[in-house]
C-alpha atoms as a PDB file:
ATOM      1  CA  MET A   1      79.572 -10.870 -26.784  1.00  0.00           C
ATOM      2  CA  ALA A   2      80.293  -7.164 -26.484  1.00  0.00           C
ATOM      3  CA  VAL A   3      78.379  -4.482 -28.340  1.00  0.00           C
ATOM      4  CA  ILE A   4      80.530  -3.012 -31.114  1.00  0.00           C
ATOM      5  CA  HIS A   5      80.330   0.264 -33.029  1.00  0.00           C
ATOM      6  CA  ALA A   6      80.270   0.621 -36.818  1.00  0.00           C
ATOM      7  CA  ASP A   7      80.315   4.323 -37.618  1.00  0.00           C
ATOM      8  CA  ASP A   8      81.837   4.339 -41.083  1.00  0.00           C
ATOM      9  CA  PRO A   9      80.859   2.502 -44.284  1.00  0.00           C
ATOM     10  CA  GLN A  10      83.773   0.042 -44.170  1.00  0.00           C
ATOM     11  CA  SER A  11      83.224  -1.006 -40.561  1.00  0.00           C
ATOM     12  CA  PHE A  12      79.472  -1.416 -41.277  1.00  0.00           C
ATOM     13  CA  GLN A  13      80.301  -3.594 -44.293  1.00  0.00           C
ATOM     14  CA  ASP A  14      82.700  -5.727 -42.229  1.00  0.00           C
ATOM     15  CA  ALA A  15      80.622  -5.990 -39.030  1.00  0.00           C
ATOM     16  CA  VAL A  16      77.164  -6.376 -40.570  1.00  0.00           C
ATOM     17  CA  LEU A  17      76.947  -7.122 -44.268  1.00  0.00           C
ATOM     18  CA  ASN A  18      79.888  -9.555 -44.487  1.00  0.00           C
ATOM     19  CA  GLU A  19      79.008 -11.338 -41.230  1.00  0.00           C
ATOM     20  CA  LYS A  20      77.583 -14.852 -41.247  1.00  0.00           C
ATOM     21  CA  GLY A  21      74.764 -15.420 -38.793  1.00  0.00           C
ATOM     22  CA  ARG A  22      72.542 -12.898 -37.041  1.00  0.00           C
ATOM     23  CA  VAL A  23      73.529  -9.276 -36.454  1.00  0.00           C
ATOM     24  CA  LEU A  24      71.307  -6.767 -34.663  1.00  0.00           C
ATOM     25  CA  VAL A  25      72.026  -3.176 -35.712  1.00  0.00           C
ATOM     26  CA  ASP A  26      70.965  -0.385 -33.368  1.00  0.00           C
ATOM     27  CA  PHE A  27      70.588   2.849 -35.347  1.00  0.00           C
ATOM     28  CA  TRP A  28      70.975   5.492 -32.644  1.00  0.00           C
ATOM     29  CA  ALA A  29      72.296   8.974 -31.809  1.00  0.00           C
ATOM     30  CA  ASN A  30      74.040  10.326 -28.720  1.00  0.00           C
ATOM     31  CA  TRP A  31      71.440  13.110 -28.292  1.00  0.00           C
ATOM     32  CA  CYS A  32      68.524  10.615 -28.305  1.00  0.00           C
ATOM     33  CA  GLY A  33      67.282   9.854 -24.765  1.00  0.00           C
ATOM     34  CA  PRO A  34      65.420   6.641 -25.673  1.00  0.00           C
ATOM     35  CA  CYS A  35      68.528   5.478 -27.562  1.00  0.00           C
ATOM     36  CA  ARG A  36      70.657   5.913 -24.436  1.00  0.00           C
ATOM     37  CA  MET A  37      67.995   4.098 -22.381  1.00  0.00           C
ATOM     38  CA  MET A  38      68.389   1.095 -24.710  1.00  0.00           C
ATOM     39  CA  ALA A  39      72.161   0.749 -24.133  1.00  0.00           C
ATOM     40  CA  PRO A  40      71.840  -1.560 -21.077  1.00  0.00           C
ATOM     41  CA  VAL A  41      69.101  -3.559 -22.836  1.00  0.00           C
ATOM     42  CA  LEU A  42      71.430  -4.176 -25.776  1.00  0.00           C
ATOM     43  CA  GLU A  43      74.261  -5.181 -23.433  1.00  0.00           C
ATOM     44  CA  GLU A  44      71.907  -7.662 -21.779  1.00  0.00           C
ATOM     45  CA  LEU A  45      70.751  -8.949 -25.174  1.00  0.00           C
ATOM     46  CA  SER A  46      74.354  -9.558 -26.230  1.00  0.00           C
ATOM     47  CA  GLU A  47      74.879 -11.662 -23.076  1.00  0.00           C
ATOM     48  CA  LYS A  48      71.578 -13.555 -23.207  1.00  0.00           C
ATOM     49  CA  TYR A  49      71.793 -14.303 -26.952  1.00  0.00           C
ATOM     50  CA  PRO A  50      75.520 -14.801 -27.675  1.00  0.00           C
ATOM     51  CA  ASP A  51      74.720 -16.010 -31.206  1.00  0.00           C
ATOM     52  CA  VAL A  52      73.429 -12.507 -32.071  1.00  0.00           C
ATOM     53  CA  LYS A  53      76.130  -9.917 -32.743  1.00  0.00           C
ATOM     54  CA  VAL A  54      75.047  -6.420 -31.611  1.00  0.00           C
ATOM     55  CA  VAL A  55      76.299  -3.420 -33.598  1.00  0.00           C
ATOM     56  CA  LYS A  56      75.562   0.236 -32.849  1.00  0.00           C
ATOM     57  CA  THR A  57      75.539   2.673 -35.779  1.00  0.00           C
ATOM     58  CA  ASP A  58      75.360   6.433 -35.167  1.00  0.00           C
ATOM     59  CA  VAL A  59      72.811   7.931 -37.589  1.00  0.00           C
ATOM     60  CA  ASP A  60      74.570  11.307 -37.508  1.00  0.00           C
ATOM     61  CA  GLN A  61      77.741   9.709 -38.873  1.00  0.00           C
ATOM     62  CA  MET A  62      75.985   7.172 -41.119  1.00  0.00           C
ATOM     63  CA  GLN A  63      73.064   9.129 -42.599  1.00  0.00           C
ATOM     64  CA  GLU A  64      73.179   7.417 -46.002  1.00  0.00           C
ATOM     65  CA  THR A  65      73.154   3.968 -44.409  1.00  0.00           C
ATOM     66  CA  ALA A  66      70.240   4.930 -42.153  1.00  0.00           C
ATOM     67  CA  VAL A  67      68.272   6.141 -45.186  1.00  0.00           C
ATOM     68  CA  GLN A  68      69.188   2.990 -47.116  1.00  0.00           C
ATOM     69  CA  TYR A  69      67.550   0.854 -44.416  1.00  0.00           C
ATOM     70  CA  GLY A  70      64.468   3.073 -44.031  1.00  0.00           C
ATOM     71  CA  VAL A  71      65.362   4.517 -40.641  1.00  0.00           C
ATOM     72  CA  SER A  72      63.130   7.532 -40.039  1.00  0.00           C
ATOM     73  CA  SER A  73      62.851   7.314 -36.249  1.00  0.00           C
ATOM     74  CA  ILE A  74      65.340   6.204 -33.604  1.00  0.00           C
ATOM     75  CA  PRO A  75      66.166   4.026 -31.864  1.00  0.00           C
ATOM     76  CA  ALA A  76      65.653   1.685 -34.788  1.00  0.00           C
ATOM     77  CA  PHE A  77      66.675  -1.958 -34.710  1.00  0.00           C
ATOM     78  CA  VAL A  78      67.379  -3.956 -37.846  1.00  0.00           C
ATOM     79  CA  LEU A  79      68.109  -7.673 -37.628  1.00  0.00           C
ATOM     80  CA  PHE A  80      70.351  -8.991 -40.394  1.00  0.00           C
ATOM     81  CA  GLU A  81      70.944 -12.655 -41.143  1.00  0.00           C
ATOM     82  CA  ASP A  82      73.910 -13.532 -43.355  1.00  0.00           C
ATOM     83  CA  GLY A  83      74.061  -9.878 -44.485  1.00  0.00           C
ATOM     84  CA  ALA A  84      70.369  -9.555 -45.447  1.00  0.00           C
ATOM     85  CA  VAL A  85      67.603  -7.757 -43.552  1.00  0.00           C
ATOM     86  CA  LYS A  86      65.452 -10.281 -41.729  1.00  0.00           C
ATOM     87  CA  ASN A  87      63.327  -8.093 -39.426  1.00  0.00           C
ATOM     88  CA  GLN A  88      63.111  -4.606 -37.908  1.00  0.00           C
ATOM     89  CA  THR A  89      61.377  -2.557 -35.229  1.00  0.00           C
ATOM     90  CA  VAL A  90      61.590   0.907 -33.727  1.00  0.00           C
ATOM     91  CA  GLY A  91      61.392   2.471 -30.262  1.00  0.00           C
ATOM     92  CA  ALA A  92      62.620   1.878 -26.741  1.00  0.00           C
ATOM     93  CA  MET A  93      61.351  -1.347 -25.176  1.00  0.00           C
ATOM     94  CA  SER A  94      62.224  -4.152 -22.801  1.00  0.00           C
ATOM     95  CA  LEU A  95      64.627  -6.942 -23.709  1.00  0.00           C
ATOM     96  CA  SER A  96      61.838  -9.492 -23.935  1.00  0.00           C
ATOM     97  CA  MET A  97      59.732  -7.274 -26.218  1.00  0.00           C
ATOM     98  CA  LEU A  98      62.723  -6.470 -28.464  1.00  0.00           C
ATOM     99  CA  ALA A  99      63.664 -10.141 -28.763  1.00  0.00           C
ATOM    100  CA  GLU A 100      60.044 -11.087 -29.484  1.00  0.00           C
ATOM    101  CA  LYS A 101      59.471  -8.343 -32.096  1.00  0.00           C
ATOM    102  CA  LEU A 102      62.661  -9.256 -33.936  1.00  0.00           C
ATOM    103  CA  GLY A 103      62.135 -13.016 -33.671  1.00  0.00           C
ATOM    104  CA  ILE A 104      65.341 -13.575 -31.694  1.00  0.00           C
ATOM    105  CA  ALA A 105      63.771 -15.311 -28.691  1.00  0.00           C
END
């Protein structure tokens, strides 16, 4: 499954909060080096775990949403299940570590 972008409140609502199943949200910014380093990891995650939808949300465009979910450092990863927060972690890491920390693997 491809990584999608949700950079406005309506697309975040549709892609994350209204979605059944697991959705991994990557709170990121274009100027953040570690965030850019995670892009291929997230692509790989979307291929290895097709039951997990991956959504990227730009914190510069979605500041209120980032604050709502306690994002104070990026990259931040929040795993939602059926629209509710299930788990979260922060920082650049390998695919296996990200999957383990979030309980995806």
